[in-house]
Amino acid sequence: MAHDFPLFGDFHGDSPDLTREAVLAAVEARLIATFGEPSGRAAVTFLGADRVEVLRFGPDAEGLVRYSTLGMAAAPMADPTSPVADQVRGPRVELLLTVRGGRDDVLRPLATFAATPQVEGLVVAPGGSLDLGAPLWEGAPFTSVLAAEPGGLVEDLDLAEPAEPVRFLPLLPMTPNEAGWKRVHGAAALQERWLNHGTDLRDPRRRGVPLD
């Protein structure tokens, strides 16, 4: 799977005050408080990584279905410049994808993205992208996603100090042409084009934005 996030060292273990179970219980509670009870869930386990769940919420009154990873924030992602990974400090995130009408075959791709910090040693951050190398769901015109800024859909979740809050990063599907254009011009420029053209990023059948 292609990516453009920085690499970092392996990490293992949990702080006694920030166990995996406690963090993920708090994450799930925040998601339920925001979206209501899940309408479905699935779990995926990858070799060398802890289990990742994906929760489905909705559809809501607008027909929107939200998918959220659950498991990525159990451990912090380490500073890529640090020779030793901190077991407590470091960014913690979960990933969110909104699709009108829903596409449940996106569950495994989302779990794949969520496992990259453990499997490939990556820091997933706003402005970066993840490329699956295949359609995000059957028939999808998108093979990659852009990680957007947190806070719009789900508020940051504060954890006990010195841990950083859990941030919930929206994923914006990109066509191959959009992904290539983003690599050259940057995430902000692509998002500006989407905005200027009134692009509905939740439309599972949308066409790529004009890039001329």
Protein backbone atom coordinates (compact mmCIF):
# COMPACT_ATOMS: atom_id res chain seq x y z
CA MET A 1 0.00 0.00 0.00
CA ALA A 2 1.42 3.38 -0.98
CA HIS A 3 1.51 6.29 1.41
CA ASP A 4 3.16 9.66 2.00
CA PHE A 5 3.34 9.71 5.79
CA PRO A 6 6.75 9.71 7.57
CA LEU A 7 8.12 6.50 8.97
CA PHE A 8 8.77 5.93 12.64
CA GLY A 9 10.10 3.19 14.90
CA ASP A 10 8.13 0.29 16.33
CA PHE A 11 6.24 0.70 19.57
CA HIS A 12 4.96 -1.78 22.09
CA GLY A 13 3.18 -1.78 25.42
CA ASP A 14 0.64 0.34 27.24
CA SER A 15 0.87 2.87 30.05
CA PRO A 16 -0.77 1.54 33.22
CA ASP A 17 -3.05 4.60 33.24
CA LEU A 18 -3.82 4.39 29.51
CA THR A 19 -4.62 0.78 28.81
CA ARG A 20 -5.82 -0.27 25.38
CA GLU A 21 -9.19 -1.24 26.79
CA ALA A 22 -9.71 2.08 28.59
CA VAL A 23 -8.72 4.22 25.61
CA LEU A 24 -10.87 2.32 23.14
CA ALA A 25 -13.85 2.31 25.49
CA ALA A 26 -13.57 6.11 25.70
CA VAL A 27 -13.23 6.39 21.92
CA GLU A 28 -16.31 4.26 21.33
CA ALA A 29 -18.28 6.27 23.89
CA ARG A 30 -17.35 9.50 22.10
CA LEU A 31 -18.44 8.07 18.74
CA ILE A 32 -21.77 6.87 20.15
CA ALA A 33 -22.36 10.24 21.81
CA THR A 34 -21.82 11.88 18.41
CA PHE A 35 -23.54 9.49 15.99
CA GLY A 36 -25.74 7.24 18.13
CA GLU A 37 -25.51 3.47 18.46
CA PRO A 38 -23.62 1.65 15.68
CA SER A 39 -25.69 0.01 12.99
CA GLY A 40 -22.93 -2.52 12.35
CA ARG A 41 -19.34 -3.43 13.16
CA ALA A 42 -16.59 -5.64 11.84
CA ALA A 43 -13.16 -6.67 13.10
CA VAL A 44 -9.98 -7.32 11.13
CA THR A 45 -6.66 -8.66 12.40
CA PHE A 46 -3.42 -8.23 10.47
CA LEU A 47 -0.21 -10.16 11.05
CA GLY A 48 1.92 -8.26 13.54
CA ALA A 49 -0.83 -5.85 14.56
CA ASP A 50 -3.59 -5.65 17.14
CA ARG A 51 -7.20 -6.11 16.06
CA VAL A 52 -8.87 -3.15 14.38
CA GLU A 53 -12.63 -2.71 14.36
CA VAL A 54 -14.69 -0.58 11.99
CA LEU A 55 -18.01 0.76 13.25
CA ARG A 56 -20.87 1.79 10.96
CA PHE A 57 -23.28 4.55 11.97
CA GLY A 58 -26.46 5.35 10.07
CA PRO A 59 -27.81 5.98 7.56
CA ASP A 60 -29.02 9.26 9.03
CA ALA A 61 -31.90 11.42 7.79
CA GLU A 62 -29.78 12.56 4.84
CA GLY A 63 -28.85 9.01 3.89
CA LEU A 64 -25.27 9.46 5.11
CA VAL A 65 -23.39 6.51 6.55
CA ARG A 66 -20.36 7.11 8.75
CA TYR A 67 -17.61 4.54 9.15
CA SER A 68 -15.09 4.88 11.98
CA THR A 69 -12.06 2.83 12.86
CA LEU A 70 -11.69 1.67 16.46
CA GLY A 71 -8.28 0.46 17.59
CA MET A 72 -5.84 2.81 15.93
CA ALA A 73 -5.77 5.18 18.94
CA ALA A 74 -4.94 2.46 21.45
CA ALA A 75 -1.25 3.39 21.19
CA PRO A 76 0.46 6.65 20.22
CA MET A 77 2.19 7.18 16.92
CA ALA A 78 5.77 8.20 17.58
CA ASP A 79 7.72 11.25 16.45
CA PRO A 80 9.42 10.14 13.21
CA THR A 81 12.61 12.02 14.21
CA SER A 82 12.91 10.29 17.59
CA PRO A 83 15.22 7.25 17.80
CA VAL A 84 13.05 5.75 20.58
CA ALA A 85 9.26 5.55 20.45
CA ASP A 86 7.47 7.05 23.47
CA GLN A 87 5.00 4.58 24.96
CA VAL A 88 2.58 7.32 26.12
CA ARG A 89 3.20 10.59 24.27
CA GLY A 90 2.54 11.00 20.59
CA PRO A 91 -0.44 11.56 18.31
CA ARG A 92 -3.41 9.22 18.52
CA VAL A 93 -6.04 9.14 15.80
CA GLU A 94 -9.02 7.24 14.48
CA LEU A 95 -10.25 7.51 10.90
CA LEU A 96 -13.70 8.56 9.67
CA LEU A 97 -15.28 8.07 6.26
CA THR A 98 -18.70 9.39 5.24
CA VAL A 99 -20.48 7.86 2.23
CA ARG A 100 -23.97 8.65 1.04
CA GLY A 101 -25.91 5.38 0.99
CA GLY A 102 -23.02 3.45 2.51
CA ARG A 103 -20.53 1.01 1.01
CA ASP A 104 -19.86 -1.78 3.49
CA ASP A 105 -17.08 -3.29 1.39
CA VAL A 106 -14.95 -0.30 2.46
CA LEU A 107 -14.59 -1.89 5.92
CA ARG A 108 -11.42 -3.84 5.16
CA PRO A 109 -9.69 -0.94 3.35
CA LEU A 110 -10.40 1.26 6.36
CA ALA A 111 -8.97 -1.35 8.71
CA THR A 112 -5.93 -1.58 6.45
CA PHE A 113 -5.38 2.15 6.70
CA ALA A 114 -5.84 2.04 10.47
CA ALA A 115 -3.23 -0.71 10.85
CA THR A 116 -0.49 1.17 8.97
CA PRO A 117 1.07 2.74 12.10
CA GLN A 118 1.64 -0.74 13.51
CA VAL A 119 2.40 -2.63 10.30
CA GLU A 120 4.38 -0.05 8.33
CA GLY A 121 5.53 2.39 11.00
CA LEU A 122 3.69 5.52 9.85
CA VAL A 123 2.41 8.71 11.41
CA VAL A 124 -1.02 9.45 9.90
CA ALA A 125 -1.62 13.20 9.93
CA PRO A 126 -3.84 15.80 8.25
CA GLY A 127 -2.72 16.59 4.73
CA GLY A 128 -1.25 13.15 4.11
CA SER A 129 -2.71 10.51 1.86
CA LEU A 130 -3.04 6.74 1.80
CA ASP A 131 -3.23 4.80 -1.45
CA LEU A 132 -4.85 1.39 -1.38
CA GLY A 133 -3.76 0.55 -4.91
CA ALA A 134 -7.25 -0.78 -5.66
CA PRO A 135 -10.82 0.61 -5.56
CA LEU A 136 -11.93 1.57 -2.04
CA TRP A 137 -15.09 -0.45 -2.68
CA GLU A 138 -16.42 -2.43 -5.63
CA GLY A 139 -16.77 -0.13 -8.62
CA ALA A 140 -15.37 2.89 -6.78
CA PRO A 141 -13.55 5.51 -8.89
CA PHE A 142 -11.30 6.15 -5.86
CA THR A 143 -8.14 4.27 -4.88
CA SER A 144 -6.81 6.61 -2.19
CA VAL A 145 -7.88 9.00 0.54
CA LEU A 146 -6.74 12.36 1.83
CA ALA A 147 -6.62 12.76 5.62
CA ALA A 148 -8.39 16.02 6.50
CA GLU A 149 -8.29 18.21 9.60
CA PRO A 150 -9.97 16.84 12.77
CA GLY A 151 -12.69 18.43 14.87
CA GLY A 152 -15.41 18.94 12.30
CA LEU A 153 -17.39 15.74 12.83
CA VAL A 154 -16.15 14.41 16.17
CA GLU A 155 -14.53 16.52 18.87
CA ASP A 156 -11.07 15.60 20.07
CA LEU A 157 -11.08 13.18 23.00
CA ASP A 158 -8.89 14.25 25.90
CA LEU A 159 -6.93 11.52 27.67
CA ALA A 160 -5.10 11.51 30.98
CA GLU A 161 -1.88 13.51 30.87
CA PRO A 162 0.71 13.30 29.47
CA ALA A 163 -1.07 11.53 26.62
CA GLU A 164 -2.22 13.61 23.67
CA PRO A 165 -5.93 13.74 22.78
CA VAL A 166 -7.42 11.28 20.33
CA ARG A 167 -8.24 13.09 17.09
CA PHE A 168 -10.74 11.84 14.54
CA LEU A 169 -9.49 12.43 10.99
CA PRO A 170 -12.03 12.53 8.13
CA LEU A 171 -10.91 10.64 5.03
CA LEU A 172 -11.71 12.23 1.66
CA PRO A 173 -11.70 9.78 -1.27
CA MET A 174 -9.52 10.77 -4.24
CA THR A 175 -9.48 9.60 -7.84
CA PRO A 176 -6.05 8.58 -9.16
CA ASN A 177 -5.80 11.87 -11.08
CA GLU A 178 -6.67 13.88 -7.98
CA ALA A 179 -4.12 11.96 -5.94
CA GLY A 180 -1.42 12.62 -8.51
CA TRP A 181 -2.34 16.32 -8.67
CA LYS A 182 -2.27 16.52 -4.87
CA ARG A 183 1.26 15.10 -4.77
CA VAL A 184 2.43 17.94 -6.98
CA HIS A 185 0.35 20.86 -5.68
CA GLY A 186 -0.43 19.85 -2.11
CA ALA A 187 -3.49 18.97 -0.07
CA ALA A 188 -4.65 22.55 0.46
CA ALA A 189 -4.72 23.25 -3.27
CA LEU A 190 -6.78 20.13 -3.97
CA GLN A 191 -9.24 20.94 -1.20
CA GLU A 192 -9.60 24.46 -2.60
CA ARG A 193 -10.46 23.02 -6.02
CA TRP A 194 -13.06 20.74 -4.46
CA LEU A 195 -14.55 23.72 -2.64
CA ASN A 196 -14.56 25.98 -5.70
CA HIS A 197 -16.36 23.34 -7.77
CA GLY A 198 -18.89 22.48 -5.06
CA THR A 199 -17.69 18.87 -4.96
CA ASP A 200 -19.77 16.52 -2.82
CA LEU A 201 -17.03 14.38 -1.31
CA ARG A 202 -19.62 12.06 0.22
CA ASP A 203 -20.98 11.03 -3.19
CA PRO A 204 -19.74 7.47 -3.89
CA ARG A 205 -20.15 8.01 -7.66
CA ARG A 206 -18.78 11.53 -8.05
CA ARG A 207 -16.45 12.37 -10.89
CA GLY A 208 -12.99 13.78 -10.41
CA VAL A 209 -12.73 17.55 -10.07
CA PRO A 210 -11.39 19.44 -13.13
CA LEU A 211 -7.64 19.81 -12.76
CA ASP A 212 -6.74 21.91 -15.83
